[in-house]
Amino acid sequence: MSISILGAGAFGTALAISLARNGQPVTLWARDTVHANDMQESRQNAKRLAGHHFPETLTVTGNIETAATADILLIATPMQKLASFLQDNADILSGKTIVACCKGIDLASNRGPVATITHICKNTTPAILTGPSFAQDIAKGLPTALTLACADEDIGEMLQTQLSTENLRLYLTSDTIGAELGGALKNVIAIACGATIGAGLGESARAAVMTRGYAEMQRLAQALGAQSQTLSGLSGFGDLTLTCTSKQSRNYAFGLSLGQNKPFDSNITVEGAKTAIAVSNMAKNLKIEMPLAHVVAGILLKKITVPEAMEALLSRPLKKE
């Protein structure tokens, strides 16, 4: 079956490289036609993922209609741009099997990737590919395990077979709510962990933030209908572990800069920033206790400073675990 990746950022490019190594035809679509032509000629994405050569079966195009003719479409746009992308291309996406490859919660609608696809493109079959992964590792061919979530089990099994490669091992679930929330919420906790280390509070404090953050993830996800075992798997606990402990994580690096009171490159997409604000609002509306999400949102909205946030958390009443 033919596969297209719509979105030529680092992660979308890495997926295209990994899938094309299997020898199957893969198309990578870039919004910028000049960028697409440059990649097709140079056989690499020097702008987003330099140094990784494209396999012969990988074709790059700037024509969305050409790319959308594939049997399986992987959408690798930033979460906050997913809705507008789907709306702009609803006609050519009609009837397709669409796999979201982004993480987060849309700030305008409070929807995750699968819910956004379902709402805008009603006659498509949506799925999500998520879990602990860095684009560099996937492009290098290093072993990576991910969660593939699809409510339609037959389509899910087909996708699992078609999207697995020598270095990509996919675990299947029908719990799309849990998979999309795990990938979204862990970014909020990663920002908190980065701020903790950046402020010089130490590794023990980071472990505490990760643990209490994981409890917050479970509370919100279960309230929204997710299965607890999904959050215990790759798309929840696994992704949380990776994102909260590596400087390769954009969300962790962003939090680190907050804790150090240093500027951060505004050109780098930090999905957890908008997600934190959305999650904080959701938790308030649902009356769910999520103090870490609230302080991260407060920092981003410039309502409190990092030291004030830490003081607020440490002064909370003692409680049972």
C-alpha atoms as a PDB file:
ATOM      1  CA  MET A   1       0.000   0.000   0.000  1.00  0.00           C
ATOM      2  CA  SER A   2       1.182   3.527  -0.719  1.00  0.00           C
ATOM      3  CA  ILE A   3       1.957   5.891   2.160  1.00  0.00           C
ATOM      4  CA  SER A   4       2.239   9.669   2.338  1.00  0.00           C
ATOM      5  CA  ILE A   5       3.518  11.773   5.214  1.00  0.00           C
ATOM      6  CA  LEU A   6       1.945  15.225   5.198  1.00  0.00           C
ATOM      7  CA  GLY A   7       4.346  17.548   6.979  1.00  0.00           C
ATOM      8  CA  ALA A   8       8.110  17.730   6.475  1.00  0.00           C
ATOM      9  CA  GLY A   9       9.257  18.648   9.952  1.00  0.00           C
ATOM     10  CA  ALA A  10      11.865  16.540  11.722  1.00  0.00           C
ATOM     11  CA  PHE A  11       9.453  13.843  12.905  1.00  0.00           C
ATOM     12  CA  GLY A  12       7.541  13.540   9.632  1.00  0.00           C
ATOM     13  CA  THR A  13      10.825  13.317   7.722  1.00  0.00           C
ATOM     14  CA  ALA A  14      12.183  10.668  10.081  1.00  0.00           C
ATOM     15  CA  LEU A  15       9.060   8.553   9.639  1.00  0.00           C
ATOM     16  CA  ALA A  16       9.311   8.898   5.864  1.00  0.00           C
ATOM     17  CA  ILE A  17      12.926   7.735   5.921  1.00  0.00           C
ATOM     18  CA  SER A  18      12.181   4.761   8.163  1.00  0.00           C
ATOM     19  CA  LEU A  19       9.173   3.620   6.121  1.00  0.00           C
ATOM     20  CA  ALA A  20      10.983   4.040   2.796  1.00  0.00           C
ATOM     21  CA  ARG A  21      13.860   1.865   4.025  1.00  0.00           C
ATOM     22  CA  ASN A  22      11.424  -1.059   3.763  1.00  0.00           C
ATOM     23  CA  GLY A  23      11.466  -0.575  -0.001  1.00  0.00           C
ATOM     24  CA  GLN A  24       7.859   0.595  -0.231  1.00  0.00           C
ATOM     25  CA  PRO A  25       6.930   3.819  -2.042  1.00  0.00           C
ATOM     26  CA  VAL A  26       6.621   6.747   0.361  1.00  0.00           C
ATOM     27  CA  THR A  27       5.746  10.352  -0.422  1.00  0.00           C
ATOM     28  CA  LEU A  28       6.747  13.238   1.836  1.00  0.00           C
ATOM     29  CA  TRP A  29       4.755  16.436   1.403  1.00  0.00           C
ATOM     30  CA  ALA A  30       6.128  19.871   2.347  1.00  0.00           C
ATOM     31  CA  ARG A  31       3.984  22.997   2.437  1.00  0.00           C
ATOM     32  CA  ASP A  32       6.832  25.074   0.980  1.00  0.00           C
ATOM     33  CA  THR A  33       7.313  24.058  -2.661  1.00  0.00           C
ATOM     34  CA  VAL A  34      10.854  25.456  -2.762  1.00  0.00           C
ATOM     35  CA  HIS A  35      11.751  23.392   0.302  1.00  0.00           C
ATOM     36  CA  ALA A  36      10.172  20.311  -1.281  1.00  0.00           C
ATOM     37  CA  ASN A  37      12.205  20.750  -4.471  1.00  0.00           C
ATOM     38  CA  ASP A  38      15.396  21.259  -2.477  1.00  0.00           C
ATOM     39  CA  MET A  39      14.814  18.022  -0.557  1.00  0.00           C
ATOM     40  CA  GLN A  40      13.998  16.060  -3.696  1.00  0.00           C
ATOM     41  CA  GLU A  41      17.222  17.231  -5.323  1.00  0.00           C
ATOM     42  CA  SER A  42      19.577  17.043  -2.321  1.00  0.00           C
ATOM     43  CA  ARG A  43      17.983  13.836  -0.945  1.00  0.00           C
ATOM     44  CA  GLN A  44      17.893  15.137   2.597  1.00  0.00           C
ATOM     45  CA  ASN A  45      15.976  17.609   4.760  1.00  0.00           C
ATOM     46  CA  ALA A  46      18.831  19.987   5.486  1.00  0.00           C
ATOM     47  CA  LYS A  47      16.427  22.448   7.105  1.00  0.00           C
ATOM     48  CA  ARG A  48      14.851  20.134   9.707  1.00  0.00           C
ATOM     49  CA  LEU A  49      16.811  16.871   9.840  1.00  0.00           C
ATOM     50  CA  ALA A  50      20.207  17.368   8.249  1.00  0.00           C
ATOM     51  CA  GLY A  51      22.576  14.505   7.551  1.00  0.00           C
ATOM     52  CA  HIS A  52      20.020  11.737   6.970  1.00  0.00           C
ATOM     53  CA  HIS A  53      19.967  10.528   3.355  1.00  0.00           C
ATOM     54  CA  PHE A  54      16.625   9.739   1.715  1.00  0.00           C
ATOM     55  CA  PRO A  55      16.105   6.167   0.427  1.00  0.00           C
ATOM     56  CA  GLU A  56      15.436   5.790  -3.304  1.00  0.00           C
ATOM     57  CA  THR A  57      11.757   4.960  -2.734  1.00  0.00           C
ATOM     58  CA  LEU A  58      11.118   8.270  -0.925  1.00  0.00           C
ATOM     59  CA  THR A  59       9.663  11.020  -3.122  1.00  0.00           C
ATOM     60  CA  VAL A  60       9.178  14.620  -1.975  1.00  0.00           C
ATOM     61  CA  THR A  61       6.467  16.879  -3.336  1.00  0.00           C
ATOM     62  CA  GLY A  62       4.927  20.254  -2.667  1.00  0.00           C
ATOM     63  CA  ASN A  63       1.639  19.215  -4.272  1.00  0.00           C
ATOM     64  CA  ILE A  64      -0.866  18.208  -1.600  1.00  0.00           C
ATOM     65  CA  GLU A  65      -3.267  16.649  -4.115  1.00  0.00           C
ATOM     66  CA  THR A  66      -0.525  14.341  -5.386  1.00  0.00           C
ATOM     67  CA  ALA A  67       0.475  13.321  -1.875  1.00  0.00           C
ATOM     68  CA  ALA A  68      -3.119  12.724  -0.773  1.00  0.00           C
ATOM     69  CA  THR A  69      -3.668   9.999  -3.400  1.00  0.00           C
ATOM     70  CA  ALA A  70      -1.856   7.508  -1.147  1.00  0.00           C
ATOM     71  CA  ASP A  71      -3.784   4.763   0.640  1.00  0.00           C
ATOM     72  CA  ILE A  72      -2.526   5.780   4.084  1.00  0.00           C
ATOM     73  CA  LEU A  73      -1.945   9.385   5.132  1.00  0.00           C
ATOM     74  CA  LEU A  74       0.214  10.278   8.134  1.00  0.00           C
ATOM     75  CA  ILE A  75      -0.294  13.877   9.217  1.00  0.00           C
ATOM     76  CA  ALA A  76       2.767  15.315  10.936  1.00  0.00           C
ATOM     77  CA  THR A  77       1.759  18.944  11.373  1.00  0.00           C
ATOM     78  CA  PRO A  78       1.960  20.727  14.769  1.00  0.00           C
ATOM     79  CA  MET A  79      -1.120  20.137  16.914  1.00  0.00           C
ATOM     80  CA  GLN A  80      -2.198  23.778  16.958  1.00  0.00           C
ATOM     81  CA  LYS A  81      -2.191  23.800  13.140  1.00  0.00           C
ATOM     82  CA  LEU A  82      -3.950  20.469  12.640  1.00  0.00           C
ATOM     83  CA  ALA A  83      -7.506  21.818  12.595  1.00  0.00           C
ATOM     84  CA  SER A  84      -6.785  24.486   9.993  1.00  0.00           C
ATOM     85  CA  PHE A  85      -4.873  21.973   7.853  1.00  0.00           C
ATOM     86  CA  LEU A  86      -7.813  19.567   7.914  1.00  0.00           C
ATOM     87  CA  GLN A  87     -10.311  22.323   7.127  1.00  0.00           C
ATOM     88  CA  ASP A  88      -8.232  23.584   4.203  1.00  0.00           C
ATOM     89  CA  ASN A  89      -7.896  20.093   2.716  1.00  0.00           C
ATOM     90  CA  ALA A  90     -11.147  18.424   3.798  1.00  0.00           C
ATOM     91  CA  ASP A  91     -12.209  17.543   0.245  1.00  0.00           C
ATOM     92  CA  ILE A  92      -9.035  15.696  -0.756  1.00  0.00           C
ATOM     93  CA  LEU A  93      -8.820  13.929   2.628  1.00  0.00           C
ATOM     94  CA  SER A  94     -12.362  12.601   2.309  1.00  0.00           C
ATOM     95  CA  GLY A  95     -12.669   8.833   2.723  1.00  0.00           C
ATOM     96  CA  LYS A  96      -9.023   8.390   3.712  1.00  0.00           C
ATOM     97  CA  THR A  97      -7.323   6.495   6.525  1.00  0.00           C
ATOM     98  CA  ILE A  98      -5.570   9.243   8.475  1.00  0.00           C
ATOM     99  CA  VAL A  99      -2.940   8.708  11.151  1.00  0.00           C
ATOM    100  CA  ALA A 100      -2.168  11.709  13.354  1.00  0.00           C
ATOM    101  CA  CYS A 101       1.499  12.028  14.280  1.00  0.00           C
ATOM    102  CA  CYS A 102       1.232  15.055  16.557  1.00  0.00           C
ATOM    103  CA  LYS A 103       0.738  15.426  20.296  1.00  0.00           C
ATOM    104  CA  GLY A 104      -1.287  17.959  22.205  1.00  0.00           C
ATOM    105  CA  ILE A 105      -4.706  19.457  22.826  1.00  0.00           C
ATOM    106  CA  ASP A 106      -6.120  22.098  20.527  1.00  0.00           C
ATOM    107  CA  LEU A 107      -6.396  25.309  22.534  1.00  0.00           C
ATOM    108  CA  ALA A 108      -9.489  26.518  20.684  1.00  0.00           C
ATOM    109  CA  SER A 109     -11.552  23.313  20.914  1.00  0.00           C
ATOM    110  CA  ASN A 110      -9.968  21.237  23.734  1.00  0.00           C
ATOM    111  CA  ARG A 111      -9.795  18.316  21.290  1.00  0.00           C
ATOM    112  CA  GLY A 112      -6.914  15.919  20.782  1.00  0.00           C
ATOM    113  CA  PRO A 113      -5.637  14.814  17.354  1.00  0.00           C
ATOM    114  CA  VAL A 114      -8.079  11.934  16.783  1.00  0.00           C
ATOM    115  CA  ALA A 115     -11.049  13.929  18.043  1.00  0.00           C
ATOM    116  CA  THR A 116     -10.048  16.826  15.786  1.00  0.00           C
ATOM    117  CA  ILE A 117      -9.886  14.580  12.727  1.00  0.00           C
ATOM    118  CA  THR A 118     -13.223  12.985  13.615  1.00  0.00           C
ATOM    119  CA  HIS A 119     -14.897  16.363  14.070  1.00  0.00           C
ATOM    120  CA  ILE A 120     -13.651  17.974  10.857  1.00  0.00           C
ATOM    121  CA  CYS A 121     -13.294  15.007   8.480  1.00  0.00           C
ATOM    122  CA  LYS A 122     -16.320  12.943   9.433  1.00  0.00           C
ATOM    123  CA  ASN A 123     -16.029  10.264   6.744  1.00  0.00           C
ATOM    124  CA  THR A 124     -12.399   9.323   7.417  1.00  0.00           C
ATOM    125  CA  THR A 125     -10.909   6.566   9.563  1.00  0.00           C
ATOM    126  CA  PRO A 126      -8.698   8.270  12.176  1.00  0.00           C
ATOM    127  CA  ALA A 127      -5.805   6.821  14.157  1.00  0.00           C
ATOM    128  CA  ILE A 128      -2.837   8.152  16.107  1.00  0.00           C
ATOM    129  CA  LEU A 129       0.826   7.150  16.228  1.00  0.00           C
ATOM    130  CA  THR A 130       2.451   8.241  19.465  1.00  0.00           C
ATOM    131  CA  GLY A 131       4.952   7.240  22.136  1.00  0.00           C
ATOM    132  CA  PRO A 132       8.543   7.773  23.299  1.00  0.00           C
ATOM    133  CA  SER A 133      10.547   8.779  20.243  1.00  0.00           C
ATOM    134  CA  PHE A 134      12.982  11.325  18.902  1.00  0.00           C
ATOM    135  CA  ALA A 135      13.235  12.070  15.195  1.00  0.00           C
ATOM    136  CA  GLN A 136      17.006  11.642  15.197  1.00  0.00           C
ATOM    137  CA  ASP A 137      16.739   8.118  16.633  1.00  0.00           C
ATOM    138  CA  ILE A 138      14.119   7.039  14.094  1.00  0.00           C
ATOM    139  CA  ALA A 139      16.088   8.501  11.177  1.00  0.00           C
ATOM    140  CA  LYS A 140      19.257   6.729  12.363  1.00  0.00           C
ATOM    141  CA  GLY A 141      17.421   3.407  12.378  1.00  0.00           C
ATOM    142  CA  LEU A 142      17.639   3.000  16.152  1.00  0.00           C
ATOM    143  CA  PRO A 143      15.020   0.742  17.768  1.00  0.00           C
ATOM    144  CA  THR A 144      11.869   2.636  18.751  1.00  0.00           C
ATOM    145  CA  ALA A 145       8.575   1.338  20.154  1.00  0.00           C
ATOM    146  CA  LEU A 146       5.377   3.318  19.610  1.00  0.00           C
ATOM    147  CA  THR A 147       1.662   3.047  20.285  1.00  0.00           C
ATOM    148  CA  LEU A 148      -0.747   2.914  17.354  1.00  0.00           C
ATOM    149  CA  ALA A 149      -4.312   3.637  18.440  1.00  0.00           C
ATOM    150  CA  CYS A 150      -7.322   3.092  16.200  1.00  0.00           C
ATOM    151  CA  ALA A 151     -10.934   2.490  17.234  1.00  0.00           C
ATOM    152  CA  ASP A 152     -11.482   0.286  14.165  1.00  0.00           C
ATOM    153  CA  GLU A 153      -9.547  -2.860  15.089  1.00  0.00           C
ATOM    154  CA  ASP A 154      -9.359  -4.234  11.528  1.00  0.00           C
ATOM    155  CA  ILE A 155      -7.958  -0.969  10.186  1.00  0.00           C
ATOM    156  CA  GLY A 156      -5.669  -0.793  13.206  1.00  0.00           C
ATOM    157  CA  GLU A 157      -4.192  -4.219  12.449  1.00  0.00           C
ATOM    158  CA  MET A 158      -3.660  -3.214   8.816  1.00  0.00           C
ATOM    159  CA  LEU A 159      -1.898  -0.017   9.886  1.00  0.00           C
ATOM    160  CA  GLN A 160       0.222  -1.872  12.409  1.00  0.00           C
ATOM    161  CA  THR A 161       1.480  -4.167   9.640  1.00  0.00           C
ATOM    162  CA  GLN A 162       2.016  -1.423   7.062  1.00  0.00           C
ATOM    163  CA  LEU A 163       3.752   1.061   9.389  1.00  0.00           C
ATOM    164  CA  SER A 164       6.055  -1.302  11.276  1.00  0.00           C
ATOM    165  CA  THR A 165       9.668  -1.325  10.087  1.00  0.00           C
ATOM    166  CA  GLU A 166      12.934  -2.938  11.138  1.00  0.00           C
ATOM    167  CA  ASN A 167      13.436  -0.234  13.749  1.00  0.00           C
ATOM    168  CA  LEU A 168       9.822   0.803  14.451  1.00  0.00           C
ATOM    169  CA  ARG A 169       7.859  -1.630  16.622  1.00  0.00           C
ATOM    170  CA  LEU A 170       4.195  -0.673  16.949  1.00  0.00           C
ATOM    171  CA  TYR A 171       1.878  -1.781  19.750  1.00  0.00           C
ATOM    172  CA  LEU A 172      -1.827  -1.646  18.917  1.00  0.00           C
ATOM    173  CA  THR A 173      -4.693  -0.340  21.048  1.00  0.00           C
ATOM    174  CA  SER A 174      -8.252   0.734  20.356  1.00  0.00           C
ATOM    175  CA  ASP A 175      -8.070   3.360  23.144  1.00  0.00           C
ATOM    176  CA  THR A 176      -7.568   6.484  21.068  1.00  0.00           C
ATOM    177  CA  ILE A 177      -8.551   8.753  23.986  1.00  0.00           C
ATOM    178  CA  GLY A 178      -5.840   7.358  26.241  1.00  0.00           C
ATOM    179  CA  ALA A 179      -3.203   7.420  23.507  1.00  0.00           C
ATOM    180  CA  GLU A 180      -3.829  11.022  22.496  1.00  0.00           C
ATOM    181  CA  LEU A 181      -4.080  12.262  26.098  1.00  0.00           C
ATOM    182  CA  GLY A 182      -0.912  10.471  27.172  1.00  0.00           C
ATOM    183  CA  GLY A 183       1.048  12.106  24.379  1.00  0.00           C
ATOM    184  CA  ALA A 184      -0.423  15.511  25.178  1.00  0.00           C
ATOM    185  CA  LEU A 185      -0.234  15.565  28.959  1.00  0.00           C
ATOM    186  CA  LYS A 186       3.328  14.311  29.287  1.00  0.00           C
ATOM    187  CA  ASN A 187       4.536  17.458  27.499  1.00  0.00           C
ATOM    188  CA  VAL A 188       3.069  19.603  30.274  1.00  0.00           C
ATOM    189  CA  ILE A 189       4.904  17.578  32.913  1.00  0.00           C
ATOM    190  CA  ALA A 190       8.098  17.746  30.835  1.00  0.00           C
ATOM    191  CA  ILE A 191       7.960  21.553  30.979  1.00  0.00           C
ATOM    192  CA  ALA A 192       7.559  21.325  34.761  1.00  0.00           C
ATOM    193  CA  CYS A 193      10.516  18.939  35.014  1.00  0.00           C
ATOM    194  CA  GLY A 194      12.691  21.186  32.886  1.00  0.00           C
ATOM    195  CA  ALA A 195      11.810  24.182  35.052  1.00  0.00           C
ATOM    196  CA  THR A 196      12.634  22.143  38.166  1.00  0.00           C
ATOM    197  CA  ILE A 197      16.118  21.284  36.928  1.00  0.00           C
ATOM    198  CA  GLY A 198      16.642  24.748  35.455  1.00  0.00           C
ATOM    199  CA  ALA A 199      15.834  26.334  38.811  1.00  0.00           C
ATOM    200  CA  GLY A 200      18.451  24.142  40.482  1.00  0.00           C
ATOM    201  CA  LEU A 201      16.034  22.091  42.585  1.00  0.00           C
ATOM    202  CA  GLY A 202      17.750  18.789  41.796  1.00  0.00           C
ATOM    203  CA  GLU A 203      17.085  15.285  40.482  1.00  0.00           C
ATOM    204  CA  SER A 204      15.036  14.210  43.506  1.00  0.00           C
ATOM    205  CA  ALA A 205      12.629  17.075  42.900  1.00  0.00           C
ATOM    206  CA  ARG A 206      12.342  16.106  39.242  1.00  0.00           C
ATOM    207  CA  ALA A 207      11.459  12.533  40.233  1.00  0.00           C
ATOM    208  CA  ALA A 208       8.732  13.906  42.483  1.00  0.00           C
ATOM    209  CA  VAL A 209       7.361  16.116  39.697  1.00  0.00           C
ATOM    210  CA  MET A 210       7.317  13.186  37.257  1.00  0.00           C
ATOM    211  CA  THR A 211       5.523  10.941  39.735  1.00  0.00           C
ATOM    212  CA  ARG A 212       2.914  13.462  40.823  1.00  0.00           C
ATOM    213  CA  GLY A 213       2.551  14.573  37.213  1.00  0.00           C
ATOM    214  CA  TYR A 214       1.816  11.012  36.164  1.00  0.00           C
ATOM    215  CA  ALA A 215      -0.949  10.907  38.772  1.00  0.00           C
ATOM    216  CA  GLU A 216      -2.431  14.071  37.235  1.00  0.00           C
ATOM    217  CA  MET A 217      -2.276  12.503  33.782  1.00  0.00           C
ATOM    218  CA  GLN A 218      -4.168   9.456  35.044  1.00  0.00           C
ATOM    219  CA  ARG A 219      -6.847  11.528  36.767  1.00  0.00           C
ATOM    220  CA  LEU A 220      -7.719  13.627  33.736  1.00  0.00           C
ATOM    221  CA  ALA A 221      -7.439  10.804  31.202  1.00  0.00           C
ATOM    222  CA  GLN A 222      -9.695   8.471  33.158  1.00  0.00           C
ATOM    223  CA  ALA A 223     -12.242  11.255  33.691  1.00  0.00           C
ATOM    224  CA  LEU A 224     -12.376  11.674  29.909  1.00  0.00           C
ATOM    225  CA  GLY A 225     -12.877   7.960  29.261  1.00  0.00           C
ATOM    226  CA  ALA A 226      -9.347   6.638  28.777  1.00  0.00           C
ATOM    227  CA  GLN A 227      -8.214   3.227  29.995  1.00  0.00           C
ATOM    228  CA  SER A 228      -5.675   3.295  32.829  1.00  0.00           C
ATOM    229  CA  GLN A 229      -3.493   0.627  31.178  1.00  0.00           C
ATOM    230  CA  THR A 230      -3.031   2.868  28.138  1.00  0.00           C
ATOM    231  CA  LEU A 231      -1.486   5.571  30.325  1.00  0.00           C
ATOM    232  CA  SER A 232       0.738   2.898  31.870  1.00  0.00           C
ATOM    233  CA  GLY A 233       2.107   2.008  28.450  1.00  0.00           C
ATOM    234  CA  LEU A 234       4.282   3.598  25.799  1.00  0.00           C
ATOM    235  CA  SER A 235       1.976   6.515  25.007  1.00  0.00           C
ATOM    236  CA  GLY A 236       1.766   7.535  28.673  1.00  0.00           C
ATOM    237  CA  PHE A 237       4.438   6.417  31.113  1.00  0.00           C
ATOM    238  CA  GLY A 238       6.949   5.570  28.381  1.00  0.00           C
ATOM    239  CA  ASP A 239       6.674   8.949  26.676  1.00  0.00           C
ATOM    240  CA  LEU A 240       6.677  10.730  30.041  1.00  0.00           C
ATOM    241  CA  THR A 241       9.959   9.071  31.011  1.00  0.00           C
ATOM    242  CA  LEU A 242      11.733  10.034  27.791  1.00  0.00           C
ATOM    243  CA  THR A 243      10.394  13.568  27.569  1.00  0.00           C
ATOM    244  CA  CYS A 244      11.123  14.494  31.189  1.00  0.00           C
ATOM    245  CA  THR A 245      14.736  13.298  31.209  1.00  0.00           C
ATOM    246  CA  SER A 246      16.338  14.312  27.904  1.00  0.00           C
ATOM    247  CA  LYS A 247      17.486  17.662  26.590  1.00  0.00           C
ATOM    248  CA  GLN A 248      16.508  16.418  23.131  1.00  0.00           C
ATOM    249  CA  SER A 249      12.920  16.999  24.259  1.00  0.00           C
ATOM    250  CA  ARG A 250      11.768  20.425  23.122  1.00  0.00           C
ATOM    251  CA  ASN A 251       9.297  20.659  25.991  1.00  0.00           C
ATOM    252  CA  TYR A 252      11.908  19.759  28.601  1.00  0.00           C
ATOM    253  CA  ALA A 253      14.415  22.176  27.035  1.00  0.00           C
ATOM    254  CA  PHE A 254      11.762  24.899  27.063  1.00  0.00           C
ATOM    255  CA  GLY A 255      11.083  24.264  30.743  1.00  0.00           C
ATOM    256  CA  LEU A 256      14.800  24.330  31.429  1.00  0.00           C
ATOM    257  CA  SER A 257      15.013  27.808  29.926  1.00  0.00           C
ATOM    258  CA  LEU A 258      12.076  28.933  32.072  1.00  0.00           C
ATOM    259  CA  GLY A 259      13.790  27.673  35.212  1.00  0.00           C
ATOM    260  CA  GLN A 260      17.031  29.398  34.244  1.00  0.00           C
ATOM    261  CA  ASN A 261      15.176  32.572  33.235  1.00  0.00           C
ATOM    262  CA  LYS A 262      16.788  32.419  29.800  1.00  0.00           C
ATOM    263  CA  PRO A 263      15.234  33.122  26.366  1.00  0.00           C
ATOM    264  CA  PHE A 264      14.091  30.203  24.206  1.00  0.00           C
ATOM    265  CA  ASP A 265      14.128  29.995  20.407  1.00  0.00           C
ATOM    266  CA  SER A 266      10.629  31.050  19.314  1.00  0.00           C
ATOM    267  CA  ASN A 267      11.031  29.111  16.050  1.00  0.00           C
ATOM    268  CA  ILE A 268      10.976  25.800  17.946  1.00  0.00           C
ATOM    269  CA  THR A 269       7.514  24.263  18.336  1.00  0.00           C
ATOM    270  CA  VAL A 270       6.711  23.512  21.977  1.00  0.00           C
ATOM    271  CA  GLU A 271       3.403  21.644  21.929  1.00  0.00           C
ATOM    272  CA  GLY A 272       3.172  21.501  25.719  1.00  0.00           C
ATOM    273  CA  ALA A 273       2.901  25.271  26.072  1.00  0.00           C
ATOM    274  CA  LYS A 274      -0.555  25.624  24.522  1.00  0.00           C
ATOM    275  CA  THR A 275      -1.559  22.210  25.853  1.00  0.00           C
ATOM    276  CA  ALA A 276      -0.807  23.289  29.445  1.00  0.00           C
ATOM    277  CA  ILE A 277      -3.243  26.181  29.170  1.00  0.00           C
ATOM    278  CA  ALA A 278      -5.909  23.973  27.597  1.00  0.00           C
ATOM    279  CA  VAL A 279      -5.426  21.256  30.225  1.00  0.00           C
ATOM    280  CA  SER A 280      -5.589  23.741  33.090  1.00  0.00           C
ATOM    281  CA  ASN A 281      -8.896  25.084  31.780  1.00  0.00           C
ATOM    282  CA  MET A 282     -10.275  21.563  31.313  1.00  0.00           C
ATOM    283  CA  ALA A 283      -9.255  20.520  34.818  1.00  0.00           C
ATOM    284  CA  LYS A 284     -10.965  23.568  36.326  1.00  0.00           C
ATOM    285  CA  ASN A 285     -14.166  22.913  34.399  1.00  0.00           C
ATOM    286  CA  LEU A 286     -14.169  19.235  35.388  1.00  0.00           C
ATOM    287  CA  LYS A 287     -13.087  20.025  38.976  1.00  0.00           C
ATOM    288  CA  ILE A 288     -10.080  17.700  38.704  1.00  0.00           C
ATOM    289  CA  GLU A 289      -7.059  18.354  40.909  1.00  0.00           C
ATOM    290  CA  MET A 290      -4.070  19.134  38.656  1.00  0.00           C
ATOM    291  CA  PRO A 291      -1.762  21.531  40.535  1.00  0.00           C
ATOM    292  CA  LEU A 292       1.249  20.958  38.274  1.00  0.00           C
ATOM    293  CA  ALA A 293      -0.729  21.741  35.130  1.00  0.00           C
ATOM    294  CA  HIS A 294      -2.115  24.858  36.794  1.00  0.00           C
ATOM    295  CA  VAL A 295       1.292  26.243  37.785  1.00  0.00           C
ATOM    296  CA  VAL A 296       2.786  25.511  34.337  1.00  0.00           C
ATOM    297  CA  ALA A 297      -0.136  27.370  32.744  1.00  0.00           C
ATOM    298  CA  GLY A 298       0.314  30.192  35.250  1.00  0.00           C
ATOM    299  CA  ILE A 299       3.994  30.547  34.380  1.00  0.00           C
ATOM    300  CA  LEU A 300       3.253  30.597  30.653  1.00  0.00           C
ATOM    301  CA  LEU A 301       0.516  33.189  31.100  1.00  0.00           C
ATOM    302  CA  LYS A 302       2.964  35.236  33.209  1.00  0.00           C
ATOM    303  CA  LYS A 303       0.642  35.135  36.214  1.00  0.00           C
ATOM    304  CA  ILE A 304       3.336  33.631  38.448  1.00  0.00           C
ATOM    305  CA  THR A 305       7.104  33.153  38.317  1.00  0.00           C
ATOM    306  CA  VAL A 306       8.922  29.833  38.537  1.00  0.00           C
ATOM    307  CA  PRO A 307      10.004  30.460  42.178  1.00  0.00           C
ATOM    308  CA  GLU A 308       6.425  31.405  43.082  1.00  0.00           C
ATOM    309  CA  ALA A 309       5.145  28.247  41.390  1.00  0.00           C
ATOM    310  CA  MET A 310       7.579  26.067  43.334  1.00  0.00           C
ATOM    311  CA  GLU A 311       6.602  27.768  46.586  1.00  0.00           C
ATOM    312  CA  ALA A 312       2.910  27.230  45.837  1.00  0.00           C
ATOM    313  CA  LEU A 313       3.441  23.529  45.208  1.00  0.00           C
ATOM    314  CA  LEU A 314       5.582  22.992  48.302  1.00  0.00           C
ATOM    315  CA  SER A 315       3.125  24.798  50.551  1.00  0.00           C
ATOM    316  CA  ARG A 316       0.169  22.593  49.578  1.00  0.00           C
ATOM    317  CA  PRO A 317      -1.415  20.645  52.470  1.00  0.00           C
ATOM    318  CA  LEU A 318       0.151  17.290  53.300  1.00  0.00           C
ATOM    319  CA  LYS A 319      -1.882  14.322  52.044  1.00  0.00           C
ATOM    320  CA  LYS A 320      -1.903  10.570  51.585  1.00  0.00           C
ATOM    321  CA  GLU A 321      -0.475   9.113  48.392  1.00  0.00           C
END
